[in-house]
Amino acid sequence: MAARRDWSESDVRVRPNPKGNRPRTKQRPEHSDAEQALVLAVDRGRYQLLTDDALRVVAMKARELGRASIVVGDRVDVVGDTSGAKDTLARVVRVHERRTLLRRSADDSDVIERVIVANADQLVIVTALADPEPRPRMVDRCLVAAFDAGMDALLCLTKADLADPGPFTELYRTLDVPAVATYRQDGRIHGLEELREQLTGRISVLVGHSGVGKSTLVNALVPDADRATGVVNTTTGRGRHTSSSAVALELPGGGWIIDTPGVRSFGLGHVDPATFVDAFADLAAVAQDCPRGCTHAADAPDCALDEWVASGAAGPAGEARLESFRRLLASRSGDPD
């Protein structure tokens, strides 16, 4: 039998701590010296910012923000080298609370939402009246996303020299969605000043299919924007993507426009059909008298909206407004084209 051995502390091997011996803490620096800035563009983990001192700065996201998203239109706090000098890099350390958030999903069954822009006042839905043909269902779905986000909406109808804008704008008259028609002739864009009036002093995001003339409008509104333009494929009737990422551009007369890449579809998986009525103050007030679980659809039994229209309380345009609302509601689960 082996002899008993007396052990001492020197016989115990302690594994060194490679991360140091400082206690871990969740306390984060306050960054009281941070400057505020607007996110103009996002490109592969780098953020183009405009500080409140009118300096253009490139920044990265601070590690403490984790997986938090930063999108064009966000107001952020930034520290580090904010001089805007070449090859300098600052850090975004905070994202301010967002007033509005325009989102879309891959399709209506996808619960994962994609944030497009933050803090925009209005969504400008750009669609051509011809070449390519307008797609009302796509416009409807963009309106649903705008109203759900608490944003105003504006229709911008391009190529008005090829088709009368009247029938198309009539579809949205009862929804109180204003419309501006434009067309190009003799080297200038007619209707551009009317569009400019709707944009001045506001933050507007432009959304539309490829080939509808969105980048052409942006270049006319902001002469030094230099956004690439494309043509419509004569076989498919669809445009080619010319803008690869969203970018915020300052309007010469005040305000901002945010140009976005052309979209093929606009998923609404993030929109709850049961609460969509809340975007319409007059309809929401009446819908409070609906049975529990009412969908407000055309086939919904005992929907208070039907009684409201039938009684005449909705006024002469009530029936058309309800039909327009239900068309938008149906687009939530309809064909996204």
Protein backbone atom coordinates (compact mmCIF):
# COMPACT_ATOMS: atom_id res chain seq x y z
CA MET A 1 0.00 0.00 0.00
CA ALA A 2 1.35 3.40 -1.02
CA ALA A 3 2.45 5.69 1.74
CA ARG A 4 0.15 8.53 2.60
CA ARG A 5 1.28 11.91 1.22
CA ASP A 6 0.66 15.26 2.80
CA TRP A 7 -0.68 17.74 0.21
CA SER A 8 -0.03 21.47 0.29
CA GLU A 9 -1.41 24.43 -1.66
CA SER A 10 1.69 24.41 -3.86
CA ASP A 11 0.59 21.04 -5.22
CA VAL A 12 -2.66 22.48 -6.64
CA ARG A 13 -2.45 23.76 -10.21
CA VAL A 14 -4.76 26.68 -10.97
CA ARG A 15 -5.72 27.28 -14.60
CA PRO A 16 -5.10 30.96 -15.48
CA ASN A 17 -8.09 33.02 -16.57
CA PRO A 18 -7.34 34.10 -20.16
CA LYS A 19 -9.98 36.85 -19.99
CA GLY A 20 -8.49 38.52 -16.96
CA ASN A 21 -9.78 38.75 -13.43
CA ARG A 22 -11.97 41.86 -13.71
CA PRO A 23 -15.58 41.17 -12.72
CA ARG A 24 -18.03 41.28 -15.61
CA THR A 25 -20.59 44.07 -15.63
CA LYS A 26 -23.58 45.03 -17.76
CA GLN A 27 -23.02 48.70 -17.14
CA ARG A 28 -22.49 50.55 -20.41
CA PRO A 29 -20.78 53.88 -20.98
CA GLU A 30 -23.16 56.82 -21.14
CA HIS A 31 -21.46 58.47 -24.11
CA SER A 32 -22.49 61.88 -22.88
CA ASP A 33 -20.28 63.45 -25.54
CA ALA A 34 -22.09 61.70 -28.41
CA GLU A 35 -23.25 63.72 -31.41
CA GLN A 36 -26.61 63.22 -33.11
CA ALA A 37 -26.81 62.24 -36.77
CA LEU A 38 -29.13 61.04 -39.51
CA VAL A 39 -28.45 57.74 -41.30
CA LEU A 40 -28.25 58.46 -45.04
CA ALA A 41 -27.20 55.06 -46.37
CA VAL A 42 -26.16 51.58 -45.23
CA ASP A 43 -23.51 49.59 -47.09
CA ARG A 44 -22.05 46.31 -45.81
CA GLY A 45 -21.80 47.26 -42.18
CA ARG A 46 -20.82 50.85 -42.78
CA TYR A 47 -23.22 53.73 -42.17
CA GLN A 48 -23.17 57.02 -44.03
CA LEU A 49 -24.26 59.70 -41.56
CA LEU A 50 -25.01 63.42 -41.59
CA THR A 51 -24.34 65.00 -38.21
CA ASP A 52 -26.34 67.91 -36.85
CA ASP A 53 -23.24 70.00 -37.61
CA ALA A 54 -23.72 69.13 -41.33
CA LEU A 55 -20.67 66.84 -41.44
CA ARG A 56 -20.80 63.63 -43.47
CA VAL A 57 -19.35 60.79 -41.44
CA VAL A 58 -18.71 57.08 -42.00
CA ALA A 59 -19.42 54.92 -38.95
CA MET A 60 -19.69 51.34 -37.78
CA LYS A 61 -22.07 49.92 -35.20
CA ALA A 62 -20.77 49.71 -31.65
CA ARG A 63 -20.55 46.21 -30.22
CA GLU A 64 -22.85 47.14 -27.35
CA LEU A 65 -25.76 47.54 -29.81
CA GLY A 66 -25.63 43.82 -30.50
CA ARG A 67 -28.01 42.70 -33.26
CA ALA A 68 -30.08 45.89 -33.20
CA SER A 69 -30.84 47.06 -36.72
CA ILE A 70 -29.91 50.47 -38.07
CA VAL A 71 -31.68 51.64 -41.23
CA VAL A 72 -31.83 54.70 -43.45
CA GLY A 73 -33.79 57.45 -41.73
CA ASP A 74 -32.73 56.46 -38.22
CA ARG A 75 -31.61 59.17 -35.82
CA VAL A 76 -28.52 57.95 -33.97
CA ASP A 77 -25.86 59.02 -31.49
CA VAL A 78 -22.28 58.72 -32.73
CA VAL A 79 -18.88 58.97 -30.99
CA GLY A 80 -15.27 58.83 -32.05
CA ASP A 81 -13.85 60.68 -35.04
CA THR A 82 -16.78 62.68 -36.38
CA SER A 83 -14.66 65.11 -38.39
CA GLY A 84 -15.71 63.54 -41.66
CA ALA A 85 -12.08 63.42 -42.80
CA LYS A 86 -11.06 60.77 -45.31
CA ASP A 87 -10.45 57.24 -43.94
CA THR A 88 -11.90 58.09 -40.50
CA LEU A 89 -14.42 55.83 -38.80
CA ALA A 90 -16.83 56.73 -36.01
CA ARG A 91 -19.12 54.48 -33.92
CA VAL A 92 -22.91 54.48 -33.65
CA VAL A 93 -23.68 53.90 -29.97
CA ARG A 94 -27.44 54.60 -29.76
CA VAL A 95 -30.49 54.50 -32.00
CA HIS A 96 -33.25 56.96 -31.10
CA GLU A 97 -36.88 55.94 -30.78
CA ARG A 98 -38.52 55.76 -34.20
CA ARG A 99 -41.60 57.81 -35.07
CA THR A 100 -42.59 55.55 -37.97
CA LEU A 101 -41.23 52.32 -39.37
CA LEU A 102 -41.98 51.14 -42.91
CA ARG A 103 -41.71 47.37 -43.12
CA ARG A 104 -42.39 44.51 -45.49
CA SER A 105 -41.97 40.73 -45.46
CA ALA A 106 -41.00 38.24 -48.15
CA ASP A 107 -44.64 37.14 -48.38
CA ASP A 108 -47.80 37.19 -46.29
CA SER A 109 -46.94 33.94 -44.49
CA ASP A 110 -43.47 35.11 -43.50
CA VAL A 111 -43.37 36.38 -39.91
CA ILE A 112 -39.86 37.80 -40.42
CA GLU A 113 -40.20 41.44 -41.34
CA ARG A 114 -37.71 43.56 -43.22
CA VAL A 115 -37.37 47.17 -42.14
CA ILE A 116 -37.12 49.49 -45.15
CA VAL A 117 -36.78 52.97 -43.63
CA ALA A 118 -37.43 54.75 -40.34
CA ASN A 119 -38.99 58.11 -39.45
CA ALA A 120 -40.51 58.87 -42.87
CA ASP A 121 -43.60 61.10 -42.98
CA GLN A 122 -45.10 59.80 -46.19
CA LEU A 123 -44.85 56.93 -48.63
CA VAL A 124 -44.73 57.98 -52.27
CA ILE A 125 -45.97 55.08 -54.40
CA VAL A 126 -44.53 55.54 -57.88
CA THR A 127 -46.32 53.64 -60.63
CA ALA A 128 -46.42 54.04 -64.38
CA LEU A 129 -49.76 54.40 -66.17
CA ALA A 130 -48.33 52.37 -69.05
CA ASP A 131 -45.08 50.63 -70.04
CA PRO A 132 -45.18 48.81 -67.66
CA GLU A 133 -48.90 48.52 -66.96
CA PRO A 134 -50.02 49.70 -63.49
CA ARG A 135 -50.67 47.04 -60.86
CA PRO A 136 -53.43 48.23 -58.51
CA ARG A 137 -52.99 45.28 -56.15
CA MET A 138 -49.37 46.24 -55.58
CA VAL A 139 -50.42 49.84 -54.90
CA ASP A 140 -53.06 48.58 -52.46
CA ARG A 141 -50.49 46.60 -50.53
CA CYS A 142 -48.12 49.56 -50.32
CA LEU A 143 -51.01 51.63 -48.94
CA VAL A 144 -51.67 48.99 -46.30
CA ALA A 145 -48.01 49.13 -45.22
CA ALA A 146 -48.08 52.95 -45.13
CA PHE A 147 -51.30 53.20 -43.10
CA ASP A 148 -50.13 50.45 -40.73
CA ALA A 149 -46.92 52.44 -40.16
CA GLY A 150 -48.86 55.63 -39.42
CA MET A 151 -47.57 57.35 -42.55
CA ASP A 152 -49.36 59.48 -45.14
CA ALA A 153 -49.47 58.21 -48.72
CA LEU A 154 -49.08 59.90 -52.10
CA LEU A 155 -49.58 58.39 -55.55
CA CYS A 156 -47.10 59.50 -58.19
CA LEU A 157 -48.32 58.38 -61.62
CA THR A 158 -45.62 58.54 -64.28
CA LYS A 159 -45.91 58.39 -68.09
CA ALA A 160 -49.22 60.26 -68.05
CA ASP A 161 -48.71 61.03 -71.74
CA LEU A 162 -49.39 57.36 -72.50
CA ALA A 163 -52.66 56.94 -70.55
CA ASP A 164 -55.30 59.03 -68.77
CA PRO A 165 -54.58 59.06 -65.01
CA GLY A 166 -58.27 59.73 -64.17
CA PRO A 167 -59.57 56.12 -63.95
CA PHE A 168 -56.63 55.02 -61.80
CA THR A 169 -56.83 57.93 -59.36
CA GLU A 170 -60.58 57.32 -58.98
CA LEU A 171 -59.79 53.99 -57.31
CA TYR A 172 -58.23 55.87 -54.37
CA ARG A 173 -60.36 59.01 -54.16
CA THR A 174 -62.44 57.82 -51.20
CA LEU A 175 -59.29 56.86 -49.30
CA ASP A 176 -58.18 60.50 -49.39
CA VAL A 177 -54.93 59.57 -51.12
CA PRO A 178 -53.67 62.51 -53.20
CA ALA A 179 -52.17 61.87 -56.63
CA VAL A 180 -49.68 63.66 -58.88
CA ALA A 181 -49.31 62.79 -62.57
CA THR A 182 -46.04 63.34 -64.45
CA TYR A 183 -44.72 62.75 -67.95
CA ARG A 184 -41.57 63.53 -69.88
CA GLN A 185 -41.70 65.72 -72.98
CA ASP A 186 -39.29 68.01 -74.77
CA GLY A 187 -36.51 67.18 -72.33
CA ARG A 188 -38.41 68.16 -69.19
CA ILE A 189 -40.71 66.42 -66.72
CA HIS A 190 -44.17 67.94 -66.59
CA GLY A 191 -45.86 67.80 -63.18
CA LEU A 192 -42.53 67.90 -61.36
CA GLU A 193 -43.30 71.17 -59.55
CA GLU A 194 -46.59 69.80 -58.23
CA LEU A 195 -44.71 66.75 -56.95
CA ARG A 196 -42.06 68.95 -55.39
CA GLU A 197 -44.75 70.86 -53.46
CA GLN A 198 -45.94 67.58 -51.91
CA LEU A 199 -42.40 66.68 -50.84
CA THR A 200 -40.97 69.97 -49.58
CA GLY A 201 -40.37 70.06 -45.83
CA ARG A 202 -41.15 66.37 -45.33
CA ILE A 203 -39.30 63.05 -45.20
CA SER A 204 -40.70 60.95 -48.04
CA VAL A 205 -39.78 57.43 -49.10
CA LEU A 206 -40.25 56.45 -52.74
CA VAL A 207 -41.34 52.88 -53.51
CA GLY A 208 -42.25 51.32 -56.82
CA HIS A 209 -41.63 48.58 -59.36
CA SER A 210 -38.47 48.75 -61.45
CA GLY A 211 -38.92 50.61 -64.71
CA VAL A 212 -41.62 53.03 -63.58
CA GLY A 213 -39.30 56.05 -63.71
CA LYS A 214 -38.54 56.42 -60.01
CA SER A 215 -34.82 57.09 -60.46
CA THR A 216 -35.57 59.58 -63.24
CA LEU A 217 -37.76 61.53 -60.84
CA VAL A 218 -35.11 61.42 -58.13
CA ASN A 219 -32.46 62.79 -60.49
CA ALA A 220 -34.80 65.61 -61.51
CA LEU A 221 -35.66 66.47 -57.89
CA VAL A 222 -32.05 66.27 -56.69
CA PRO A 223 -29.82 67.23 -59.64
CA ASP A 224 -26.61 65.79 -58.14
CA ALA A 225 -28.22 62.51 -57.03
CA ASP A 226 -26.84 60.60 -60.05
CA ARG A 227 -29.16 57.62 -59.55
CA ALA A 228 -28.86 55.02 -62.32
CA THR A 229 -31.84 54.69 -64.68
CA GLY A 230 -32.97 51.69 -66.71
CA VAL A 231 -35.45 50.57 -69.33
CA VAL A 232 -38.39 48.18 -69.40
CA ASN A 233 -37.88 44.71 -70.87
CA THR A 234 -40.11 44.49 -73.94
CA THR A 235 -40.69 40.75 -73.42
CA THR A 236 -41.58 40.62 -69.72
CA GLY A 237 -42.91 44.17 -69.34
CA ARG A 238 -40.83 44.53 -66.19
CA GLY A 239 -38.03 46.92 -65.37
CA ARG A 240 -34.47 46.14 -64.39
CA HIS A 241 -33.28 46.96 -60.88
CA THR A 242 -31.16 50.10 -61.12
CA SER A 243 -30.93 51.11 -57.43
CA SER A 244 -29.23 48.54 -55.20
CA SER A 245 -29.78 50.15 -51.81
CA ALA A 246 -31.84 52.82 -50.06
CA VAL A 247 -30.35 56.29 -49.80
CA ALA A 248 -31.59 59.55 -48.26
CA LEU A 249 -31.18 62.67 -50.40
CA GLU A 250 -31.74 66.25 -49.30
CA LEU A 251 -34.13 68.29 -51.42
CA PRO A 252 -32.86 71.71 -52.53
CA GLY A 253 -36.03 73.39 -51.23
CA GLY A 254 -36.04 71.58 -47.87
CA GLY A 255 -37.01 68.09 -46.82
CA TRP A 256 -35.67 64.65 -47.72
CA ILE A 257 -36.51 61.88 -50.16
CA ILE A 258 -35.41 58.30 -49.58
CA ASP A 259 -34.98 56.35 -52.79
CA THR A 260 -35.34 52.57 -52.47
CA PRO A 261 -34.54 49.66 -54.81
CA GLY A 262 -37.35 48.59 -57.14
CA VAL A 263 -39.59 45.94 -55.60
CA ARG A 264 -41.26 42.93 -57.22
CA SER A 265 -43.60 42.20 -54.32
CA PHE A 266 -44.62 43.71 -50.99
CA GLY A 267 -45.32 41.11 -48.30
CA LEU A 268 -47.63 42.12 -45.45
CA GLY A 269 -46.96 39.33 -42.97
CA HIS A 270 -46.30 41.93 -40.27
CA VAL A 271 -49.76 43.55 -40.62
CA ASP A 272 -52.54 42.26 -38.36
CA PRO A 273 -55.80 42.32 -40.37
CA ALA A 274 -57.79 42.55 -37.11
CA THR A 275 -56.21 45.90 -36.20
CA PHE A 276 -55.79 47.38 -39.67
CA VAL A 277 -59.11 49.22 -39.31
CA ASP A 278 -57.44 51.38 -36.64
CA ALA A 279 -55.64 53.24 -39.44
CA PHE A 280 -58.99 54.79 -40.45
CA ALA A 281 -60.33 56.97 -37.66
CA ASP A 282 -63.94 57.12 -38.92
CA LEU A 283 -64.16 53.39 -39.59
CA ALA A 284 -62.41 52.46 -36.34
CA ALA A 285 -64.98 54.44 -34.30
CA VAL A 286 -67.85 52.53 -35.91
CA ALA A 287 -66.05 49.17 -35.74
CA GLN A 288 -66.13 49.33 -31.95
CA ASP A 289 -69.77 48.19 -32.20
CA CYS A 290 -68.83 45.10 -34.22
CA PRO A 291 -69.17 41.61 -32.70
CA ARG A 292 -66.07 40.24 -31.01
CA GLY A 293 -63.68 38.81 -33.58
CA CYS A 294 -65.26 40.63 -36.52
CA THR A 295 -62.96 40.68 -39.57
CA HIS A 296 -64.78 43.64 -41.18
CA ALA A 297 -64.62 41.78 -44.49
CA ALA A 298 -67.51 41.90 -46.97
CA ASP A 299 -68.81 38.52 -45.78
CA ALA A 300 -68.42 39.27 -42.04
CA PRO A 301 -71.79 38.70 -40.30
CA ASP A 302 -73.33 41.63 -38.38
CA CYS A 303 -70.43 43.95 -39.20
CA ALA A 304 -71.30 47.40 -37.86
CA LEU A 305 -69.69 49.01 -40.90
CA ASP A 306 -72.49 47.68 -43.14
CA GLU A 307 -75.18 49.13 -40.89
CA TRP A 308 -73.28 52.44 -40.78
CA VAL A 309 -73.36 52.72 -44.56
CA ALA A 310 -76.95 51.47 -44.92
CA SER A 311 -78.23 54.04 -42.41
CA GLY A 312 -76.76 56.91 -44.41
CA ALA A 313 -74.58 58.01 -41.48
CA ALA A 314 -71.48 57.46 -43.60
CA GLY A 315 -72.57 60.12 -46.09
CA PRO A 316 -72.82 59.86 -49.87
CA ALA A 317 -69.27 58.53 -50.25
CA GLY A 318 -69.59 56.05 -47.38
CA GLU A 319 -70.30 52.98 -49.46
CA ALA A 320 -67.40 53.64 -51.84
CA ARG A 321 -65.06 54.31 -48.91
CA LEU A 322 -66.03 51.05 -47.23
CA GLU A 323 -65.49 49.18 -50.48
CA SER A 324 -62.06 50.74 -50.85
CA PHE A 325 -61.15 49.83 -47.27
CA ARG A 326 -62.25 46.24 -47.83
CA ARG A 327 -60.24 46.08 -51.04
CA LEU A 328 -57.12 47.04 -49.10
CA LEU A 329 -58.01 44.56 -46.37
CA ALA A 330 -58.40 41.78 -48.95
CA SER A 331 -55.02 42.62 -50.45
CA ARG A 332 -53.42 41.55 -47.14
CA SER A 333 -54.00 37.92 -48.11
CA GLY A 334 -54.36 38.28 -51.87
CA ASP A 335 -52.07 38.20 -54.88
CA PRO A 336 -49.09 40.46 -54.14
CA ASP A 337 -48.57 41.42 -57.80
